[in-house]
């Protein structure tokens, strides 16, 4: 259904709403979707902007997480607990990061990282130090 909804005013956002407004025939009511988007722009509670990966490290990190988690798209503003990564996933991720990136990132550090963009920056900096 998401492929039927155009970005509002050129922005790419994800909003948590109770239901998607539809017409009696079941099609998405674009006018009501626009009204919801405009209301959320004025009151951005429950609004999450999608931030795509911006460099090779971010792309590699997102590809890895898409292999491990049941999502089709992950924003760089997400964090692991927000994505539902439990302790088992975090421990596995720590091991896979070491294997794929050659960087040691502990499980506690993965739980505490503010967002995936910050984690990718840490990975890139650690890889640069290793040469």
N, C-alpha and C. Protein backbone atom coordinates (compact mmCIF):
# COMPACT_ATOMS: atom_id res chain seq x y z
N UNK A 1 0.80 -1.18 0.00
CA UNK A 1 0.00 0.00 0.00
C UNK A 1 0.86 1.26 0.00
N UNK A 2 2.04 1.20 0.62
CA UNK A 2 2.89 2.38 0.69
C UNK A 2 3.32 2.87 -0.67
N UNK A 3 3.41 1.97 -1.64
CA UNK A 3 3.83 2.40 -2.97
C UNK A 3 2.76 3.25 -3.66
N UNK A 4 1.55 3.30 -3.08
CA UNK A 4 0.48 4.11 -3.64
C UNK A 4 0.48 5.53 -3.10
N UNK A 5 1.29 5.80 -2.09
CA UNK A 5 1.27 7.10 -1.43
C UNK A 5 2.49 7.91 -1.86
N UNK A 6 2.26 9.07 -2.44
CA UNK A 6 3.33 9.96 -2.86
C UNK A 6 3.83 10.73 -1.64
N UNK A 7 5.15 11.06 -1.59
CA UNK A 7 5.65 11.91 -0.51
C UNK A 7 4.94 13.25 -0.53
N UNK A 8 4.61 13.75 0.65
CA UNK A 8 3.92 15.04 0.79
C UNK A 8 4.93 16.17 0.76
N UNK A 9 4.74 17.13 -0.12
CA UNK A 9 5.63 18.30 -0.24
C UNK A 9 7.08 17.88 -0.45
N UNK A 10 7.30 16.73 -1.09
CA UNK A 10 8.66 16.29 -1.37
C UNK A 10 9.38 15.69 -0.17
N UNK A 11 8.71 15.58 0.99
CA UNK A 11 9.36 15.01 2.16
C UNK A 11 9.11 13.51 2.19
N UNK A 12 9.97 12.80 2.85
CA UNK A 12 9.84 11.36 2.98
C UNK A 12 9.76 11.06 4.47
N UNK A 13 8.57 10.84 4.98
CA UNK A 13 8.39 10.64 6.41
C UNK A 13 7.60 9.37 6.66
N UNK A 14 7.76 8.85 7.86
CA UNK A 14 6.96 7.73 8.32
C UNK A 14 6.17 8.22 9.52
N UNK A 15 4.88 8.04 9.51
CA UNK A 15 4.04 8.47 10.62
C UNK A 15 3.30 7.26 11.16
N UNK A 16 3.16 7.22 12.46
CA UNK A 16 2.39 6.15 13.10
C UNK A 16 0.97 6.69 13.29
N UNK A 17 0.03 6.08 12.59
CA UNK A 17 -1.36 6.50 12.66
C UNK A 17 -2.21 5.28 12.98
N UNK A 18 -3.39 5.53 13.51
CA UNK A 18 -4.28 4.44 13.88
C UNK A 18 -4.74 3.62 12.70
N UNK A 19 -5.03 4.28 11.59
CA UNK A 19 -5.43 3.58 10.37
C UNK A 19 -5.19 4.50 9.18
N UNK A 20 -5.08 3.90 8.02
CA UNK A 20 -4.89 4.66 6.79
C UNK A 20 -6.28 5.00 6.26
N UNK A 21 -6.51 6.29 5.99
CA UNK A 21 -7.84 6.67 5.50
C UNK A 21 -8.11 6.09 4.11
N UNK A 22 -9.24 5.42 3.99
CA UNK A 22 -9.61 4.81 2.72
C UNK A 22 -11.01 5.25 2.32
N UNK A 23 -11.27 5.15 1.04
CA UNK A 23 -12.61 5.40 0.51
C UNK A 23 -13.43 4.13 0.70
N UNK A 24 -14.75 4.21 0.51
CA UNK A 24 -15.59 3.01 0.67
C UNK A 24 -15.16 1.82 -0.20
N UNK A 25 -14.52 2.11 -1.34
CA UNK A 25 -14.09 1.00 -2.21
C UNK A 25 -12.74 0.41 -1.79
N UNK A 26 -12.16 0.95 -0.70
CA UNK A 26 -10.90 0.41 -0.17
C UNK A 26 -9.65 1.09 -0.67
N UNK A 27 -9.77 2.04 -1.60
CA UNK A 27 -8.59 2.75 -2.08
C UNK A 27 -8.19 3.83 -1.06
N UNK A 28 -6.92 4.19 -1.10
CA UNK A 28 -6.42 5.21 -0.17
C UNK A 28 -7.02 6.56 -0.52
N UNK A 29 -7.52 7.25 0.50
CA UNK A 29 -8.07 8.59 0.33
C UNK A 29 -6.92 9.59 0.46
N UNK A 30 -6.40 10.03 -0.69
CA UNK A 30 -5.23 10.92 -0.70
C UNK A 30 -5.49 12.24 -0.01
N UNK A 31 -6.68 12.79 -0.14
CA UNK A 31 -7.01 14.07 0.49
C UNK A 31 -6.88 13.96 2.01
N UNK A 32 -7.38 12.89 2.57
CA UNK A 32 -7.26 12.70 4.03
C UNK A 32 -5.83 12.40 4.44
N UNK A 33 -5.07 11.70 3.58
CA UNK A 33 -3.66 11.45 3.88
C UNK A 33 -2.89 12.77 3.93
N UNK A 34 -3.18 13.66 2.99
CA UNK A 34 -2.53 14.97 2.98
C UNK A 34 -2.90 15.75 4.24
N UNK A 35 -4.15 15.67 4.65
CA UNK A 35 -4.58 16.37 5.87
C UNK A 35 -3.84 15.83 7.10
N UNK A 36 -3.64 14.52 7.15
CA UNK A 36 -2.88 13.93 8.26
C UNK A 36 -1.44 14.41 8.22
N UNK A 37 -0.84 14.40 7.03
CA UNK A 37 0.56 14.86 6.89
C UNK A 37 0.71 16.31 7.32
N UNK A 38 -0.23 17.15 6.91
CA UNK A 38 -0.17 18.57 7.29
C UNK A 38 -0.32 18.74 8.79
N UNK A 39 -1.20 17.97 9.40
CA UNK A 39 -1.38 18.05 10.85
C UNK A 39 -0.11 17.59 11.57
N UNK A 40 0.52 16.54 11.06
CA UNK A 40 1.74 16.04 11.69
C UNK A 40 2.90 17.01 11.52
N UNK A 41 2.93 17.74 10.39
CA UNK A 41 3.98 18.73 10.20
C UNK A 41 3.87 19.85 11.23
N UNK A 42 2.65 20.17 11.63
CA UNK A 42 2.44 21.21 12.65
C UNK A 42 2.73 20.68 14.04
N UNK A 43 2.46 19.39 14.28
CA UNK A 43 2.67 18.75 15.57
C UNK A 43 3.43 17.46 15.32
N UNK A 44 4.78 17.50 15.32
CA UNK A 44 5.55 16.35 14.85
C UNK A 44 5.68 15.18 15.83
N UNK A 45 4.78 15.04 16.76
CA UNK A 45 4.82 13.88 17.65
C UNK A 45 4.38 12.66 16.85
N UNK A 46 5.15 11.59 16.93
CA UNK A 46 4.83 10.37 16.19
C UNK A 46 5.31 10.39 14.76
N UNK A 47 6.16 11.38 14.42
CA UNK A 47 6.65 11.52 13.07
C UNK A 47 8.12 11.14 13.02
N UNK A 48 8.49 10.25 12.13
CA UNK A 48 9.86 9.81 12.00
C UNK A 48 10.31 10.04 10.57
N UNK A 49 11.34 10.80 10.40
CA UNK A 49 11.85 11.05 9.05
C UNK A 49 12.75 9.88 8.63
N UNK A 50 12.54 9.39 7.43
CA UNK A 50 13.40 8.35 6.89
C UNK A 50 14.67 8.99 6.38
N UNK A 51 15.79 8.51 6.87
CA UNK A 51 17.11 8.97 6.43
C UNK A 51 17.82 7.79 5.78
N UNK A 52 17.99 7.82 4.47
CA UNK A 52 18.66 6.71 3.80
C UNK A 52 20.16 6.71 4.09
N UNK A 53 20.82 5.58 3.88
CA UNK A 53 22.27 5.55 4.05
C UNK A 53 22.94 6.50 3.07
N UNK A 54 24.01 7.18 3.55
CA UNK A 54 24.63 8.23 2.76
C UNK A 54 26.03 7.87 2.26
N UNK A 55 26.63 6.80 2.78
CA UNK A 55 27.97 6.44 2.32
C UNK A 55 28.09 4.91 2.34
N UNK A 56 29.25 4.42 1.92
CA UNK A 56 29.44 2.97 1.79
C UNK A 56 29.31 2.24 3.12
N UNK A 57 29.82 2.84 4.19
CA UNK A 57 29.72 2.19 5.50
C UNK A 57 28.28 2.09 5.94
N UNK A 58 27.51 3.17 5.75
CA UNK A 58 26.10 3.16 6.13
C UNK A 58 25.33 2.14 5.29
N UNK A 59 25.61 2.08 4.00
CA UNK A 59 24.94 1.10 3.14
C UNK A 59 25.26 -0.32 3.61
N UNK A 60 26.52 -0.60 3.89
CA UNK A 60 26.91 -1.95 4.35
C UNK A 60 26.24 -2.29 5.68
N UNK A 61 26.17 -1.32 6.59
CA UNK A 61 25.52 -1.57 7.88
C UNK A 61 24.04 -1.86 7.69
N UNK A 62 23.36 -1.07 6.88
CA UNK A 62 21.92 -1.30 6.64
C UNK A 62 21.70 -2.64 5.96
N UNK A 63 22.53 -2.99 4.99
CA UNK A 63 22.38 -4.29 4.33
C UNK A 63 22.53 -5.43 5.33
N UNK A 64 23.48 -5.30 6.23
CA UNK A 64 23.67 -6.31 7.28
C UNK A 64 22.44 -6.41 8.17
N UNK A 65 21.93 -5.27 8.61
CA UNK A 65 20.76 -5.28 9.49
C UNK A 65 19.52 -5.82 8.77
N UNK A 66 19.39 -5.55 7.48
CA UNK A 66 18.26 -6.08 6.73
C UNK A 66 18.32 -7.60 6.62
N UNK A 67 19.53 -8.16 6.67
CA UNK A 67 19.69 -9.62 6.69
C UNK A 67 19.24 -10.20 8.04
N UNK A 68 19.45 -9.41 9.10
CA UNK A 68 19.23 -9.92 10.46
C UNK A 68 17.85 -9.59 11.03
N UNK A 69 17.21 -8.54 10.54
CA UNK A 69 15.95 -8.07 11.11
C UNK A 69 14.85 -8.13 10.06
N UNK A 70 13.60 -8.27 10.49
CA UNK A 70 12.49 -8.46 9.54
C UNK A 70 11.95 -7.15 8.97
N UNK A 71 12.80 -6.36 8.34
CA UNK A 71 12.38 -5.09 7.77
C UNK A 71 12.76 -5.03 6.30
N UNK A 72 12.07 -4.15 5.57
CA UNK A 72 12.40 -3.92 4.16
C UNK A 72 13.18 -2.64 3.98
N UNK A 73 13.10 -1.75 4.98
CA UNK A 73 13.81 -0.47 4.91
C UNK A 73 14.14 -0.04 6.34
N UNK A 74 15.36 0.43 6.51
CA UNK A 74 15.82 0.89 7.82
C UNK A 74 16.39 2.29 7.66
N UNK A 75 15.98 3.18 8.55
CA UNK A 75 16.45 4.56 8.52
C UNK A 75 17.72 4.71 9.35
N UNK A 76 18.59 5.60 8.92
CA UNK A 76 19.82 5.85 9.68
C UNK A 76 19.53 6.54 11.01
N UNK A 77 18.31 7.03 11.20
CA UNK A 77 17.93 7.64 12.49
C UNK A 77 17.39 6.61 13.46
N UNK A 78 17.20 5.37 13.02
CA UNK A 78 16.75 4.30 13.91
C UNK A 78 17.89 3.89 14.84
N UNK A 79 17.52 3.28 15.95
CA UNK A 79 18.52 2.64 16.80
C UNK A 79 18.12 1.18 16.97
N UNK A 80 19.03 0.38 17.46
CA UNK A 80 18.78 -1.06 17.51
C UNK A 80 17.60 -1.44 18.41
N UNK A 81 17.48 -0.89 19.63
CA UNK A 81 16.30 -1.23 20.43
C UNK A 81 14.99 -0.83 19.75
N UNK A 82 14.98 0.32 19.05
CA UNK A 82 13.79 0.78 18.33
C UNK A 82 13.40 -0.24 17.26
N UNK A 83 14.39 -0.89 16.68
CA UNK A 83 14.15 -1.88 15.64
C UNK A 83 13.77 -3.25 16.22
N UNK A 84 13.76 -3.35 17.54
CA UNK A 84 13.38 -4.61 18.18
C UNK A 84 14.51 -5.60 18.32
N UNK A 85 15.75 -5.13 18.19
CA UNK A 85 16.89 -6.02 18.35
C UNK A 85 17.03 -6.40 19.82
N UNK A 86 16.84 -7.66 20.13
CA UNK A 86 16.98 -8.13 21.51
C UNK A 86 18.44 -8.49 21.78
N UNK A 87 18.71 -8.97 22.98
CA UNK A 87 20.09 -9.24 23.38
C UNK A 87 20.75 -10.30 22.48
N UNK A 88 20.00 -11.28 22.02
CA UNK A 88 20.58 -12.30 21.15
C UNK A 88 21.00 -11.70 19.81
N UNK A 89 20.17 -10.85 19.26
CA UNK A 89 20.50 -10.19 17.99
C UNK A 89 21.70 -9.27 18.18
N UNK A 90 21.74 -8.57 19.30
CA UNK A 90 22.84 -7.64 19.58
C UNK A 90 24.17 -8.40 19.68
N UNK A 91 24.17 -9.52 20.36
CA UNK A 91 25.40 -10.32 20.49
C UNK A 91 25.82 -10.85 19.12
N UNK A 92 24.86 -11.33 18.33
CA UNK A 92 25.17 -11.81 16.98
C UNK A 92 25.70 -10.66 16.13
N UNK A 93 25.08 -9.49 16.23
CA UNK A 93 25.53 -8.33 15.46
C UNK A 93 26.95 -7.95 15.83
N UNK A 94 27.27 -7.99 17.10
CA UNK A 94 28.62 -7.67 17.56
C UNK A 94 29.64 -8.59 16.88
N UNK A 95 29.33 -9.88 16.81
CA UNK A 95 30.23 -10.85 16.18
C UNK A 95 30.34 -10.62 14.68
N UNK A 96 29.21 -10.34 14.03
CA UNK A 96 29.22 -10.14 12.58
C UNK A 96 29.93 -8.84 12.22
N UNK A 97 29.78 -7.78 13.03
CA UNK A 97 30.50 -6.54 12.78
C UNK A 97 32.01 -6.77 12.83
N UNK A 98 32.43 -7.57 13.79
CA UNK A 98 33.84 -7.90 13.91
C UNK A 98 34.32 -8.65 12.68
N UNK A 99 33.52 -9.60 12.23
CA UNK A 99 33.89 -10.42 11.08
C UNK A 99 33.90 -9.60 9.78
N UNK A 100 32.85 -8.83 9.53
CA UNK A 100 32.72 -8.12 8.25
C UNK A 100 33.51 -6.81 8.18
N UNK A 101 33.56 -6.10 9.32
CA UNK A 101 34.21 -4.79 9.32
C UNK A 101 35.58 -4.81 9.99
N UNK A 102 35.88 -5.90 10.70
CA UNK A 102 37.15 -5.96 11.41
C UNK A 102 37.22 -5.01 12.59
N UNK A 103 36.07 -4.70 13.16
CA UNK A 103 35.98 -3.72 14.25
C UNK A 103 35.26 -4.37 15.43
N UNK A 104 35.80 -4.20 16.61
CA UNK A 104 35.18 -4.73 17.83
C UNK A 104 34.20 -3.71 18.39
N UNK A 105 32.93 -4.09 18.45
CA UNK A 105 31.90 -3.25 19.06
C UNK A 105 31.16 -4.14 20.04
N UNK A 106 31.24 -3.80 21.31
CA UNK A 106 30.60 -4.61 22.35
C UNK A 106 29.09 -4.48 22.34
N UNK A 107 28.44 -5.49 22.92
CA UNK A 107 26.97 -5.52 22.96
C UNK A 107 26.40 -4.32 23.71
N UNK A 108 27.00 -3.95 24.82
CA UNK A 108 26.49 -2.80 25.58
C UNK A 108 26.58 -1.54 24.73
N UNK A 109 27.68 -1.38 24.04
CA UNK A 109 27.84 -0.21 23.17
C UNK A 109 26.78 -0.18 22.07
N UNK A 110 26.42 -1.34 21.54
CA UNK A 110 25.39 -1.40 20.51
C UNK A 110 24.03 -0.99 21.06
N UNK A 111 23.73 -1.38 22.30
CA UNK A 111 22.47 -0.96 22.92
C UNK A 111 22.44 0.54 23.16
N UNK A 112 23.59 1.13 23.43
CA UNK A 112 23.65 2.54 23.82
C UNK A 112 23.81 3.50 22.65
N UNK A 113 24.13 3.01 21.46
CA UNK A 113 24.35 3.89 20.32
C UNK A 113 23.06 4.68 20.04
N UNK A 114 23.24 5.99 19.81
CA UNK A 114 22.09 6.89 19.65
C UNK A 114 21.28 6.56 18.39
N UNK A 115 21.98 6.34 17.29
CA UNK A 115 21.30 5.97 16.04
C UNK A 115 22.28 5.24 15.13
N UNK A 116 21.76 4.69 14.06
CA UNK A 116 22.60 3.89 13.16
C UNK A 116 23.64 4.75 12.45
N UNK A 117 23.32 6.00 12.21
CA UNK A 117 24.31 6.89 11.58
C UNK A 117 25.53 7.03 12.49
N UNK A 118 25.31 7.16 13.80
CA UNK A 118 26.41 7.24 14.75
C UNK A 118 27.22 5.94 14.78
N UNK A 119 26.52 4.81 14.72
CA UNK A 119 27.22 3.52 14.70
C UNK A 119 28.07 3.40 13.44
N UNK A 120 27.52 3.79 12.30
CA UNK A 120 28.27 3.73 11.05
C UNK A 120 29.50 4.63 11.11
N UNK A 121 29.35 5.81 11.71
CA UNK A 121 30.49 6.73 11.84
C UNK A 121 31.57 6.11 12.72
N UNK A 122 31.15 5.43 13.79
CA UNK A 122 32.12 4.76 14.67
C UNK A 122 32.85 3.65 13.92
N UNK A 123 32.09 2.88 13.14
CA UNK A 123 32.71 1.82 12.34
C UNK A 123 33.73 2.39 11.35
N UNK A 124 33.33 3.46 10.65
CA UNK A 124 34.22 4.07 9.65
C UNK A 124 35.48 4.61 10.31
N UNK A 125 35.34 5.26 11.47
CA UNK A 125 36.50 5.82 12.16
C UNK A 125 37.44 4.69 12.63
N UNK A 126 36.86 3.62 13.15
CA UNK A 126 37.69 2.50 13.62
C UNK A 126 38.40 1.82 12.46
N UNK A 127 37.73 1.67 11.33
CA UNK A 127 38.36 1.07 10.15
C UNK A 127 39.48 1.95 9.62
N UNK A 128 39.28 3.27 9.67
CA UNK A 128 40.32 4.20 9.20
C UNK A 128 41.56 4.13 10.08
N UNK A 129 41.38 3.95 11.38
CA UNK A 129 42.50 3.83 12.30
C UNK A 129 43.30 2.55 12.04
N UNK A 130 42.60 1.52 11.61
CA UNK A 130 43.27 0.24 11.35
C UNK A 130 44.02 0.27 10.02
N UNK A 131 43.71 1.27 9.21
CA UNK A 131 44.43 1.44 7.94
C UNK A 131 43.83 0.65 6.87
